[in-house]
């Protein structure tokens, strides 16, 4: 599944690979992805706490 809707991806996938500009920046479970600093920085800004990514 490829999608930009992070809430959907986090809700239905048990393993996630996150890309930023074609480069893999994170691989893991939804909980690991929610708390990954590279993901929060790339998709939500460096100051974001990740709370909006909770499914």
PDB file of N, CA and C in Angstrom:
ATOM      1  N   UNK A   1       0.842  -1.168   0.000  1.00  0.00           N
ATOM      2  CA  UNK A   1       0.000   0.000   0.000  1.00  0.00           C
ATOM      3  C   UNK A   1       0.892   1.238   0.000  1.00  0.00           C
ATOM      4  N   UNK A   2       0.582   2.151  -0.849  1.00  0.00           N
ATOM      5  CA  UNK A   2       1.293   3.434  -0.876  1.00  0.00           C
ATOM      6  C   UNK A   2       0.255   4.517  -0.660  1.00  0.00           C
ATOM      7  N   UNK A   3       0.469   5.352   0.334  1.00  0.00           N
ATOM      8  CA  UNK A   3      -0.499   6.412   0.621  1.00  0.00           C
ATOM      9  C   UNK A   3       0.176   7.524   1.401  1.00  0.00           C
ATOM     10  N   UNK A   4      -0.345   8.720   1.268  1.00  0.00           N
ATOM     11  CA  UNK A   4       0.182   9.866   2.010  1.00  0.00           C
ATOM     12  C   UNK A   4      -0.657  10.161   3.237  1.00  0.00           C
ATOM     13  N   UNK A   5      -1.751   9.442   3.417  1.00  0.00           N
ATOM     14  CA  UNK A   5      -2.612   9.611   4.580  1.00  0.00           C
ATOM     15  C   UNK A   5      -2.018   8.788   5.725  1.00  0.00           C
ATOM     16  N   UNK A   6      -1.233   9.445   6.565  1.00  0.00           N
ATOM     17  CA  UNK A   6      -0.517   8.735   7.630  1.00  0.00           C
ATOM     18  C   UNK A   6      -1.459   8.071   8.625  1.00  0.00           C
ATOM     19  N   UNK A   7      -2.581   8.705   8.937  1.00  0.00           N
ATOM     20  CA  UNK A   7      -3.525   8.096   9.869  1.00  0.00           C
ATOM     21  C   UNK A   7      -4.037   6.770   9.331  1.00  0.00           C
ATOM     22  N   UNK A   8      -4.360   6.715   8.049  1.00  0.00           N
ATOM     23  CA  UNK A   8      -4.826   5.479   7.420  1.00  0.00           C
ATOM     24  C   UNK A   8      -3.731   4.419   7.434  1.00  0.00           C
ATOM     25  N   UNK A   9      -2.546   4.785   7.020  1.00  0.00           N
ATOM     26  CA  UNK A   9      -1.428   3.839   6.972  1.00  0.00           C
ATOM     27  C   UNK A   9      -1.132   3.280   8.359  1.00  0.00           C
ATOM     28  N   UNK A  10      -1.096   4.149   9.351  1.00  0.00           N
ATOM     29  CA  UNK A  10      -0.808   3.707  10.722  1.00  0.00           C
ATOM     30  C   UNK A  10      -1.907   2.798  11.261  1.00  0.00           C
ATOM     31  N   UNK A  11      -3.130   2.978  10.792  1.00  0.00           N
ATOM     32  CA  UNK A  11      -4.251   2.176  11.285  1.00  0.00           C
ATOM     33  C   UNK A  11      -4.323   0.792  10.644  1.00  0.00           C
ATOM     34  N   UNK A  12      -3.910   0.660   9.379  1.00  0.00           N
ATOM     35  CA  UNK A  12      -4.126  -0.613   8.678  1.00  0.00           C
ATOM     36  C   UNK A  12      -2.868  -1.433   8.416  1.00  0.00           C
ATOM     37  N   UNK A  13      -1.704  -0.861   8.585  1.00  0.00           N
ATOM     38  CA  UNK A  13      -0.467  -1.581   8.272  1.00  0.00           C
ATOM     39  C   UNK A  13       0.257  -2.010   9.549  1.00  0.00           C
ATOM     40  N   UNK A  14       0.862  -3.197   9.497  1.00  0.00           N
ATOM     41  CA  UNK A  14       1.624  -3.639  10.663  1.00  0.00           C
ATOM     42  C   UNK A  14       3.122  -3.405  10.500  1.00  0.00           C
ATOM     43  N   UNK A  15       3.555  -3.083   9.297  1.00  0.00           N
ATOM     44  CA  UNK A  15       4.945  -2.722   9.026  1.00  0.00           C
ATOM     45  C   UNK A  15       4.932  -1.594   8.011  1.00  0.00           C
ATOM     46  N   UNK A  16       5.710  -0.557   8.256  1.00  0.00           N
ATOM     47  CA  UNK A  16       5.668   0.648   7.430  1.00  0.00           C
ATOM     48  C   UNK A  16       7.086   1.045   7.032  1.00  0.00           C
ATOM     49  N   UNK A  17       7.229   1.446   5.775  1.00  0.00           N
ATOM     50  CA  UNK A  17       8.482   2.008   5.273  1.00  0.00           C
ATOM     51  C   UNK A  17       8.166   3.452   4.883  1.00  0.00           C
ATOM     52  N   UNK A  18       8.885   4.402   5.453  1.00  0.00           N
ATOM     53  CA  UNK A  18       8.636   5.811   5.190  1.00  0.00           C
ATOM     54  C   UNK A  18       9.744   6.348   4.296  1.00  0.00           C
ATOM     55  N   UNK A  19       9.332   7.028   3.220  1.00  0.00           N
ATOM     56  CA  UNK A  19      10.270   7.638   2.288  1.00  0.00           C
ATOM     57  C   UNK A  19      10.199   9.154   2.402  1.00  0.00           C
ATOM     58  N   UNK A  20      11.318   9.798   2.208  1.00  0.00           N
ATOM     59  CA  UNK A  20      11.386  11.249   2.096  1.00  0.00           C
ATOM     60  C   UNK A  20      12.248  11.557   0.892  1.00  0.00           C
ATOM     61  N   UNK A  21      11.633  12.135  -0.115  1.00  0.00           N
ATOM     62  CA  UNK A  21      12.318  12.444  -1.379  1.00  0.00           C
ATOM     63  C   UNK A  21      12.990  11.199  -1.974  1.00  0.00           C
ATOM     64  N   UNK A  22      12.307  10.062  -1.889  1.00  0.00           N
ATOM     65  CA  UNK A  22      12.792   8.818  -2.480  1.00  0.00           C
ATOM     66  C   UNK A  22      13.789   8.040  -1.644  1.00  0.00           C
ATOM     67  N   UNK A  23      14.124   8.542  -0.472  1.00  0.00           N
ATOM     68  CA  UNK A  23      15.083   7.868   0.401  1.00  0.00           C
ATOM     69  C   UNK A  23      14.351   7.289   1.619  1.00  0.00           C
ATOM     70  N   UNK A  24      14.663   6.041   1.964  1.00  0.00           N
ATOM     71  CA  UNK A  24      14.062   5.415   3.140  1.00  0.00           C
ATOM     72  C   UNK A  24      14.596   6.112   4.388  1.00  0.00           C
ATOM     73  N   UNK A  25      13.673   6.638   5.207  1.00  0.00           N
ATOM     74  CA  UNK A  25      14.094   7.301   6.445  1.00  0.00           C
ATOM     75  C   UNK A  25      13.652   6.536   7.690  1.00  0.00           C
ATOM     76  N   UNK A  26      12.735   5.572   7.527  1.00  0.00           N
ATOM     77  CA  UNK A  26      12.291   4.790   8.681  1.00  0.00           C
ATOM     78  C   UNK A  26      11.583   3.526   8.221  1.00  0.00           C
ATOM     79  N   UNK A  27      11.764   2.464   8.995  1.00  0.00           N
ATOM     80  CA  UNK A  27      11.063   1.195   8.786  1.00  0.00           C
ATOM     81  C   UNK A  27      10.663   0.707  10.172  1.00  0.00           C
ATOM     82  N   UNK A  28       9.392   0.315  10.309  1.00  0.00           N
ATOM     83  CA  UNK A  28       8.991  -0.211  11.612  1.00  0.00           C
ATOM     84  C   UNK A  28       7.505  -0.391  11.765  1.00  0.00           C
ATOM     85  N   UNK A  29       7.113  -0.676  12.980  1.00  0.00           N
ATOM     86  CA  UNK A  29       5.709  -0.832  13.333  1.00  0.00           C
ATOM     87  C   UNK A  29       5.072   0.557  13.416  1.00  0.00           C
ATOM     88  N   UNK A  30       3.745   0.616  13.453  1.00  0.00           N
ATOM     89  CA  UNK A  30       3.107   1.929  13.603  1.00  0.00           C
ATOM     90  C   UNK A  30       3.598   2.695  14.844  1.00  0.00           C
ATOM     91  N   UNK A  31       3.781   2.014  15.964  1.00  0.00           N
ATOM     92  CA  UNK A  31       4.276   2.695  17.167  1.00  0.00           C
ATOM     93  C   UNK A  31       5.691   3.240  16.967  1.00  0.00           C
ATOM     94  N   UNK A  32       6.539   2.467  16.307  1.00  0.00           N
ATOM     95  CA  UNK A  32       7.911   2.928  16.033  1.00  0.00           C
ATOM     96  C   UNK A  32       7.902   4.120  15.091  1.00  0.00           C
ATOM     97  N   UNK A  33       7.042   4.077  14.073  1.00  0.00           N
ATOM     98  CA  UNK A  33       6.960   5.174  13.102  1.00  0.00           C
ATOM     99  C   UNK A  33       6.431   6.435  13.768  1.00  0.00           C
ATOM    100  N   UNK A  34       5.409   6.301  14.614  1.00  0.00           N
ATOM    101  CA  UNK A  34       4.852   7.459  15.324  1.00  0.00           C
ATOM    102  C   UNK A  34       5.901   8.196  16.142  1.00  0.00           C
ATOM    103  N   UNK A  35       6.841   7.467  16.704  1.00  0.00           N
ATOM    104  CA  UNK A  35       7.825   8.097  17.589  1.00  0.00           C
ATOM    105  C   UNK A  35       9.181   8.342  16.936  1.00  0.00           C
ATOM    106  N   UNK A  36       9.305   8.059  15.648  1.00  0.00           N
ATOM    107  CA  UNK A  36      10.592   8.226  14.964  1.00  0.00           C
ATOM    108  C   UNK A  36      10.855   9.708  14.686  1.00  0.00           C
ATOM    109  N   UNK A  37      11.956  10.255  15.191  1.00  0.00           N
ATOM    110  CA  UNK A  37      12.251  11.678  14.990  1.00  0.00           C
ATOM    111  C   UNK A  37      12.444  12.065  13.524  1.00  0.00           C
ATOM    112  N   UNK A  38      12.975  11.172  12.708  1.00  0.00           N
ATOM    113  CA  UNK A  38      13.164  11.498  11.286  1.00  0.00           C
ATOM    114  C   UNK A  38      11.816  11.654  10.583  1.00  0.00           C
ATOM    115  N   UNK A  39      10.848  10.829  10.960  1.00  0.00           N
ATOM    116  CA  UNK A  39       9.506  10.912  10.369  1.00  0.00           C
ATOM    117  C   UNK A  39       8.820  12.200  10.807  1.00  0.00           C
ATOM    118  N   UNK A  40       8.874  12.486  12.111  1.00  0.00           N
ATOM    119  CA  UNK A  40       8.232  13.708  12.589  1.00  0.00           C
ATOM    120  C   UNK A  40       8.860  14.939  11.962  1.00  0.00           C
ATOM    121  N   UNK A  41      10.159  14.934  11.828  1.00  0.00           N
ATOM    122  CA  UNK A  41      10.836  16.075  11.217  1.00  0.00           C
ATOM    123  C   UNK A  41      10.465  16.232   9.748  1.00  0.00           C
ATOM    124  N   UNK A  42      10.463  15.140   8.996  1.00  0.00           N
ATOM    125  CA  UNK A  42      10.199  15.197   7.559  1.00  0.00           C
ATOM    126  C   UNK A  42       8.745  15.534   7.241  1.00  0.00           C
ATOM    127  N   UNK A  43       7.820  15.010   8.022  1.00  0.00           N
ATOM    128  CA  UNK A  43       6.413  15.154   7.682  1.00  0.00           C
ATOM    129  C   UNK A  43       5.656  16.145   8.523  1.00  0.00           C
ATOM    130  N   UNK A  44       6.143  16.470   9.699  1.00  0.00           N
ATOM    131  CA  UNK A  44       5.359  17.321  10.588  1.00  0.00           C
ATOM    132  C   UNK A  44       6.141  18.489  11.154  1.00  0.00           C
ATOM    133  N   UNK A  45       7.394  18.586  10.835  1.00  0.00           N
ATOM    134  CA  UNK A  45       8.212  19.652  11.385  1.00  0.00           C
ATOM    135  C   UNK A  45       8.933  19.198  12.638  1.00  0.00           C
ATOM    136  N   UNK A  46      10.086  19.705  12.879  1.00  0.00           N
ATOM    137  CA  UNK A  46      10.959  19.238  13.962  1.00  0.00           C
ATOM    138  C   UNK A  46      10.378  19.471  15.349  1.00  0.00           C
ATOM    139  N   UNK A  47       9.466  20.429  15.513  1.00  0.00           N
ATOM    140  CA  UNK A  47       8.944  20.721  16.847  1.00  0.00           C
ATOM    141  C   UNK A  47       7.693  19.931  17.174  1.00  0.00           C
ATOM    142  N   UNK A  48       7.214  19.114  16.266  1.00  0.00           N
ATOM    143  CA  UNK A  48       5.983  18.355  16.476  1.00  0.00           C
ATOM    144  C   UNK A  48       6.209  17.201  17.442  1.00  0.00           C
ATOM    145  N   UNK A  49       5.222  16.948  18.289  1.00  0.00           N
ATOM    146  CA  UNK A  49       5.363  15.873  19.284  1.00  0.00           C
ATOM    147  C   UNK A  49       4.920  14.519  18.792  1.00  0.00           C
ATOM    148  N   UNK A  50       4.219  14.443  17.657  1.00  0.00           N
ATOM    149  CA  UNK A  50       3.751  13.170  17.133  1.00  0.00           C
ATOM    150  C   UNK A  50       2.368  12.790  17.623  1.00  0.00           C
ATOM    151  N   UNK A  51       1.742  13.619  18.433  1.00  0.00           N
ATOM    152  CA  UNK A  51       0.432  13.273  18.992  1.00  0.00           C
ATOM    153  C   UNK A  51      -0.634  13.113  17.921  1.00  0.00           C
ATOM    154  N   UNK A  52      -0.594  13.875  16.839  1.00  0.00           N
ATOM    155  CA  UNK A  52      -1.608  13.785  15.801  1.00  0.00           C
ATOM    156  C   UNK A  52      -1.529  12.463  15.032  1.00  0.00           C
ATOM    157  N   UNK A  53      -0.416  11.744  15.133  1.00  0.00           N
ATOM    158  CA  UNK A  53      -0.264  10.491  14.404  1.00  0.00           C
ATOM    159  C   UNK A  53      -0.861   9.301  15.154  1.00  0.00           C
ATOM    160  N   UNK A  54      -1.412   9.515  16.319  1.00  0.00           N
ATOM    161  CA  UNK A  54      -2.001   8.402  17.060  1.00  0.00           C
ATOM    162  C   UNK A  54      -3.307   7.989  16.411  1.00  0.00           C
ATOM    163  N   UNK A  55      -3.441   6.687  16.170  1.00  0.00           N
ATOM    164  CA  UNK A  55      -4.644   6.185  15.515  1.00  0.00           C
ATOM    165  C   UNK A  55      -5.702   5.802  16.519  1.00  0.00           C
TER     166      UNK A  55
END
